[in-house]
Amino acid sequence: MPPLSLDPQFADVFTSTQSMLQIYQPLLGQDKRGQLIPYHATSWRSIDELTWEVKLPRA
């Protein structure tokens, strides 16, 4: 079955999610204990309850 969409906000079907993982790189992931770990982000912090600051590596 082909992906239904490559738009991340509509990724609720397994084939769409797996296809997007080949295209997009997530900022953060989770380890086995559920703790956030870096993928593409080098650091992150909560500024307030609605805002996060994420630092990315320089190209």
PDB file of N, CA and C in Angstrom:
ATOM      1  N   MET A   1       0.842  -1.174   0.000  1.00  0.00           N
ATOM      2  CA  MET A   1       0.000   0.000   0.000  1.00  0.00           C
ATOM      3  C   MET A   1       0.891   1.243   0.000  1.00  0.00           C
ATOM      4  N   PRO A   2       0.688   2.162  -0.924  1.00  0.00           N
ATOM      5  CA  PRO A   2       1.499   3.373  -0.968  1.00  0.00           C
ATOM      6  C   PRO A   2       1.113   4.340   0.160  1.00  0.00           C
ATOM      7  N   PRO A   3       2.016   5.262   0.510  1.00  0.00           N
ATOM      8  CA  PRO A   3       1.675   6.242   1.538  1.00  0.00           C
ATOM      9  C   PRO A   3       0.500   7.104   1.086  1.00  0.00           C
ATOM     10  N   LEU A   4      -0.349   7.473   2.049  1.00  0.00           N
ATOM     11  CA  LEU A   4      -1.494   8.324   1.738  1.00  0.00           C
ATOM     12  C   LEU A   4      -1.098   9.787   1.636  1.00  0.00           C
ATOM     13  N   SER A   5      -0.031  10.167   2.368  1.00  0.00           N
ATOM     14  CA  SER A   5       0.423  11.551   2.367  1.00  0.00           C
ATOM     15  C   SER A   5       1.863  11.593   2.837  1.00  0.00           C
ATOM     16  N   LEU A   6       2.617  12.593   2.365  1.00  0.00           N
ATOM     17  CA  LEU A   6       3.967  12.834   2.876  1.00  0.00           C
ATOM     18  C   LEU A   6       4.002  14.105   3.719  1.00  0.00           C
ATOM     19  N   ASP A   7       2.835  14.580   4.087  1.00  0.00           N
ATOM     20  CA  ASP A   7       2.719  15.742   4.962  1.00  0.00           C
ATOM     21  C   ASP A   7       2.753  15.248   6.411  1.00  0.00           C
ATOM     22  N   PRO A   8       3.760  15.670   7.211  1.00  0.00           N
ATOM     23  CA  PRO A   8       3.887  15.156   8.579  1.00  0.00           C
ATOM     24  C   PRO A   8       2.659  15.338   9.459  1.00  0.00           C
ATOM     25  N   GLN A   9       1.880  16.372   9.226  1.00  0.00           N
ATOM     26  CA  GLN A   9       0.712  16.573  10.094  1.00  0.00           C
ATOM     27  C   GLN A   9      -0.402  15.570   9.816  1.00  0.00           C
ATOM     28  N   PHE A  10      -0.312  14.842   8.713  1.00  0.00           N
ATOM     29  CA  PHE A  10      -1.320  13.835   8.384  1.00  0.00           C
ATOM     30  C   PHE A  10      -0.761  12.420   8.435  1.00  0.00           C
ATOM     31  N   ALA A  11       0.353  12.224   9.102  1.00  0.00           N
ATOM     32  CA  ALA A  11       1.011  10.919   9.153  1.00  0.00           C
ATOM     33  C   ALA A  11       0.385  10.046  10.228  1.00  0.00           C
ATOM     34  N   ASP A  12      -0.705   9.406   9.898  1.00  0.00           N
ATOM     35  CA  ASP A  12      -1.338   8.524  10.867  1.00  0.00           C
ATOM     36  C   ASP A  12      -1.480   7.103  10.319  1.00  0.00           C
ATOM     37  N   VAL A  13      -0.922   6.856   9.160  1.00  0.00           N
ATOM     38  CA  VAL A  13      -0.953   5.534   8.543  1.00  0.00           C
ATOM     39  C   VAL A  13       0.480   5.012   8.505  1.00  0.00           C
ATOM     40  N   PHE A  14       0.672   3.749   8.841  1.00  0.00           N
ATOM     41  CA  PHE A  14       2.012   3.166   8.947  1.00  0.00           C
ATOM     42  C   PHE A  14       2.860   3.421   7.702  1.00  0.00           C
ATOM     43  N   THR A  15       2.307   3.226   6.512  1.00  0.00           N
ATOM     44  CA  THR A  15       3.111   3.404   5.296  1.00  0.00           C
ATOM     45  C   THR A  15       3.519   4.860   5.109  1.00  0.00           C
ATOM     46  N   SER A  16       2.665   5.790   5.492  1.00  0.00           N
ATOM     47  CA  SER A  16       3.030   7.210   5.406  1.00  0.00           C
ATOM     48  C   SER A  16       4.145   7.529   6.387  1.00  0.00           C
ATOM     49  N   THR A  17       4.032   7.045   7.613  1.00  0.00           N
ATOM     50  CA  THR A  17       5.042   7.304   8.637  1.00  0.00           C
ATOM     51  C   THR A  17       6.388   6.720   8.229  1.00  0.00           C
ATOM     52  N   GLN A  18       6.406   5.487   7.762  1.00  0.00           N
ATOM     53  CA  GLN A  18       7.654   4.852   7.366  1.00  0.00           C
ATOM     54  C   GLN A  18       8.285   5.549   6.166  1.00  0.00           C
ATOM     55  N   SER A  19       7.487   6.013   5.243  1.00  0.00           N
ATOM     56  CA  SER A  19       8.009   6.744   4.084  1.00  0.00           C
ATOM     57  C   SER A  19       8.618   8.072   4.513  1.00  0.00           C
ATOM     58  N   MET A  20       7.952   8.766   5.431  1.00  0.00           N
ATOM     59  CA  MET A  20       8.459  10.062   5.879  1.00  0.00           C
ATOM     60  C   MET A  20       9.759   9.928   6.652  1.00  0.00           C
ATOM     61  N   LEU A  21       9.952   8.826   7.353  1.00  0.00           N
ATOM     62  CA  LEU A  21      11.209   8.629   8.071  1.00  0.00           C
ATOM     63  C   LEU A  21      12.391   8.530   7.116  1.00  0.00           C
ATOM     64  N   GLN A  22      12.128   8.231   5.857  1.00  0.00           N
ATOM     65  CA  GLN A  22      13.181   8.187   4.847  1.00  0.00           C
ATOM     66  C   GLN A  22      13.483   9.579   4.278  1.00  0.00           C
ATOM     67  N   ILE A  23      12.588  10.531   4.525  1.00  0.00           N
ATOM     68  CA  ILE A  23      12.719  11.879   3.965  1.00  0.00           C
ATOM     69  C   ILE A  23      13.073  12.908   5.032  1.00  0.00           C
ATOM     70  N   TYR A  24      12.336  12.891   6.136  1.00  0.00           N
ATOM     71  CA  TYR A  24      12.498  13.879   7.191  1.00  0.00           C
ATOM     72  C   TYR A  24      13.331  13.316   8.325  1.00  0.00           C
ATOM     73  N   GLN A  25      14.104  14.185   8.977  1.00  0.00           N
ATOM     74  CA  GLN A  25      14.880  13.777  10.144  1.00  0.00           C
ATOM     75  C   GLN A  25      14.242  14.385  11.388  1.00  0.00           C
ATOM     76  N   PRO A  26      13.853  13.567  12.364  1.00  0.00           N
ATOM     77  CA  PRO A  26      13.219  14.111  13.566  1.00  0.00           C
ATOM     78  C   PRO A  26      14.195  14.931  14.398  1.00  0.00           C
ATOM     79  N   LEU A  27      13.678  15.919  15.103  1.00  0.00           N
ATOM     80  CA  LEU A  27      14.518  16.723  15.992  1.00  0.00           C
ATOM     81  C   LEU A  27      14.915  15.936  17.228  1.00  0.00           C
ATOM     82  N   LEU A  28      13.955  15.225  17.816  1.00  0.00           N
ATOM     83  CA  LEU A  28      14.182  14.491  19.057  1.00  0.00           C
ATOM     84  C   LEU A  28      13.598  13.095  18.947  1.00  0.00           C
ATOM     85  N   GLY A  29      14.071  12.219  19.796  1.00  0.00           N
ATOM     86  CA  GLY A  29      13.525  10.877  19.904  1.00  0.00           C
ATOM     87  C   GLY A  29      13.359  10.533  21.366  1.00  0.00           C
ATOM     88  N   GLN A  30      13.088   9.275  21.645  1.00  0.00           N
ATOM     89  CA  GLN A  30      12.949   8.807  23.021  1.00  0.00           C
ATOM     90  C   GLN A  30      13.789   7.554  23.198  1.00  0.00           C
ATOM     91  N   ASP A  31      14.431   7.456  24.366  1.00  0.00           N
ATOM     92  CA  ASP A  31      15.164   6.238  24.678  1.00  0.00           C
ATOM     93  C   ASP A  31      14.196   5.206  25.265  1.00  0.00           C
ATOM     94  N   LYS A  32      14.721   4.077  25.706  1.00  0.00           N
ATOM     95  CA  LYS A  32      13.868   2.994  26.218  1.00  0.00           C
ATOM     96  C   LYS A  32      13.105   3.388  27.475  1.00  0.00           C
ATOM     97  N   ARG A  33      13.597   4.402  28.195  1.00  0.00           N
ATOM     98  CA  ARG A  33      12.908   4.863  29.412  1.00  0.00           C
ATOM     99  C   ARG A  33      11.951   6.015  29.149  1.00  0.00           C
ATOM    100  N   GLY A  34      11.842   6.431  27.879  1.00  0.00           N
ATOM    101  CA  GLY A  34      10.937   7.525  27.538  1.00  0.00           C
ATOM    102  C   GLY A  34      11.561   8.901  27.667  1.00  0.00           C
ATOM    103  N   GLN A  35      12.873   8.949  27.935  1.00  0.00           N
ATOM    104  CA  GLN A  35      13.571  10.232  28.049  1.00  0.00           C
ATOM    105  C   GLN A  35      13.891  10.766  26.652  1.00  0.00           C
ATOM    106  N   LEU A  36      13.814  12.090  26.496  1.00  0.00           N
ATOM    107  CA  LEU A  36      14.143  12.689  25.210  1.00  0.00           C
ATOM    108  C   LEU A  36      15.632  12.545  24.923  1.00  0.00           C
ATOM    109  N   ILE A  37      15.939  12.212  23.668  1.00  0.00           N
ATOM    110  CA  ILE A  37      17.323  12.115  23.213  1.00  0.00           C
ATOM    111  C   ILE A  37      17.440  12.893  21.906  1.00  0.00           C
ATOM    112  N   PRO A  38      18.619  13.438  21.617  1.00  0.00           N
ATOM    113  CA  PRO A  38      18.771  14.216  20.384  1.00  0.00           C
ATOM    114  C   PRO A  38      18.847  13.324  19.148  1.00  0.00           C
ATOM    115  N   TYR A  39      18.222  13.753  18.091  1.00  0.00           N
ATOM    116  CA  TYR A  39      18.432  13.170  16.771  1.00  0.00           C
ATOM    117  C   TYR A  39      19.122  14.239  15.945  1.00  0.00           C
ATOM    118  N   HIS A  40      18.377  15.214  15.490  1.00  0.00           N
ATOM    119  CA  HIS A  40      18.977  16.306  14.720  1.00  0.00           C
ATOM    120  C   HIS A  40      19.264  17.523  15.602  1.00  0.00           C
ATOM    121  N   ALA A  41      18.462  17.753  16.606  1.00  0.00           N
ATOM    122  CA  ALA A  41      18.663  18.894  17.509  1.00  0.00           C
ATOM    123  C   ALA A  41      19.921  18.668  18.355  1.00  0.00           C
ATOM    124  N   THR A  42      20.662  19.739  18.597  1.00  0.00           N
ATOM    125  CA  THR A  42      21.825  19.629  19.474  1.00  0.00           C
ATOM    126  C   THR A  42      21.471  19.957  20.912  1.00  0.00           C
ATOM    127  N   SER A  43      20.433  20.788  21.105  1.00  0.00           N
ATOM    128  CA  SER A  43      19.933  21.088  22.452  1.00  0.00           C
ATOM    129  C   SER A  43      18.534  21.665  22.326  1.00  0.00           C
ATOM    130  N   TRP A  44      17.819  21.683  23.446  1.00  0.00           N
ATOM    131  CA  TRP A  44      16.464  22.216  23.474  1.00  0.00           C
ATOM    132  C   TRP A  44      16.133  22.635  24.893  1.00  0.00           C
ATOM    133  N   ARG A  45      15.220  23.613  24.996  1.00  0.00           N
ATOM    134  CA  ARG A  45      14.777  24.055  26.316  1.00  0.00           C
ATOM    135  C   ARG A  45      13.385  24.644  26.197  1.00  0.00           C
ATOM    136  N   SER A  46      12.644  24.543  27.266  1.00  0.00           N
ATOM    137  CA  SER A  46      11.305  25.097  27.325  1.00  0.00           C
ATOM    138  C   SER A  46      11.410  26.556  27.758  1.00  0.00           C
ATOM    139  N   ILE A  47      10.855  27.446  26.978  1.00  0.00           N
ATOM    140  CA  ILE A  47      10.843  28.863  27.319  1.00  0.00           C
ATOM    141  C   ILE A  47       9.603  29.183  28.149  1.00  0.00           C
ATOM    142  N   ASP A  48       8.463  28.651  27.751  1.00  0.00           N
ATOM    143  CA  ASP A  48       7.234  28.760  28.522  1.00  0.00           C
ATOM    144  C   ASP A  48       6.372  27.548  28.179  1.00  0.00           C
ATOM    145  N   GLU A  49       5.148  27.524  28.621  1.00  0.00           N
ATOM    146  CA  GLU A  49       4.333  26.322  28.432  1.00  0.00           C
ATOM    147  C   GLU A  49       3.949  26.065  26.976  1.00  0.00           C
ATOM    148  N   LEU A  50       4.129  27.039  26.097  1.00  0.00           N
ATOM    149  CA  LEU A  50       3.789  26.873  24.682  1.00  0.00           C
ATOM    150  C   LEU A  50       4.975  27.004  23.735  1.00  0.00           C
ATOM    151  N   THR A  51       6.153  27.334  24.260  1.00  0.00           N
ATOM    152  CA  THR A  51       7.291  27.657  23.399  1.00  0.00           C
ATOM    153  C   THR A  51       8.523  26.847  23.772  1.00  0.00           C
ATOM    154  N   TRP A  52       9.149  26.262  22.761  1.00  0.00           N
ATOM    155  CA  TRP A  52      10.415  25.550  22.941  1.00  0.00           C
ATOM    156  C   TRP A  52      11.468  26.189  22.051  1.00  0.00           C
ATOM    157  N   GLU A  53      12.696  26.273  22.540  1.00  0.00           N
ATOM    158  CA  GLU A  53      13.827  26.711  21.742  1.00  0.00           C
ATOM    159  C   GLU A  53      14.641  25.478  21.398  1.00  0.00           C
ATOM    160  N   VAL A  54      14.861  25.251  20.114  1.00  0.00           N
ATOM    161  CA  VAL A  54      15.607  24.086  19.646  1.00  0.00           C
ATOM    162  C   VAL A  54      16.813  24.574  18.874  1.00  0.00           C
ATOM    163  N   LYS A  55      18.005  24.110  19.238  1.00  0.00           N
ATOM    164  CA  LYS A  55      19.223  24.478  18.515  1.00  0.00           C
ATOM    165  C   LYS A  55      19.565  23.367  17.537  1.00  0.00           C
ATOM    166  N   LEU A  56      19.933  23.779  16.322  1.00  0.00           N
ATOM    167  CA  LEU A  56      20.283  22.834  15.262  1.00  0.00           C
ATOM    168  C   LEU A  56      21.766  22.988  14.918  1.00  0.00           C
ATOM    169  N   PRO A  57      22.380  21.934  14.402  1.00  0.00           N
ATOM    170  CA  PRO A  57      23.785  22.051  14.019  1.00  0.00           C
ATOM    171  C   PRO A  57      23.940  22.982  12.821  1.00  0.00           C
ATOM    172  N   ARG A  58      25.075  23.604  12.738  1.00  0.00           N
ATOM    173  CA  ARG A  58      25.348  24.469  11.587  1.00  0.00           C
ATOM    174  C   ARG A  58      25.644  23.605  10.376  1.00  0.00           C
ATOM    175  N   ALA A  59      25.232  24.092   9.237  1.00  0.00           N
ATOM    176  CA  ALA A  59      25.443  23.326   7.989  1.00  0.00           C
ATOM    177  C   ALA A  59      26.878  23.398   7.524  1.00  0.00           C
TER     178      ALA A  59
END
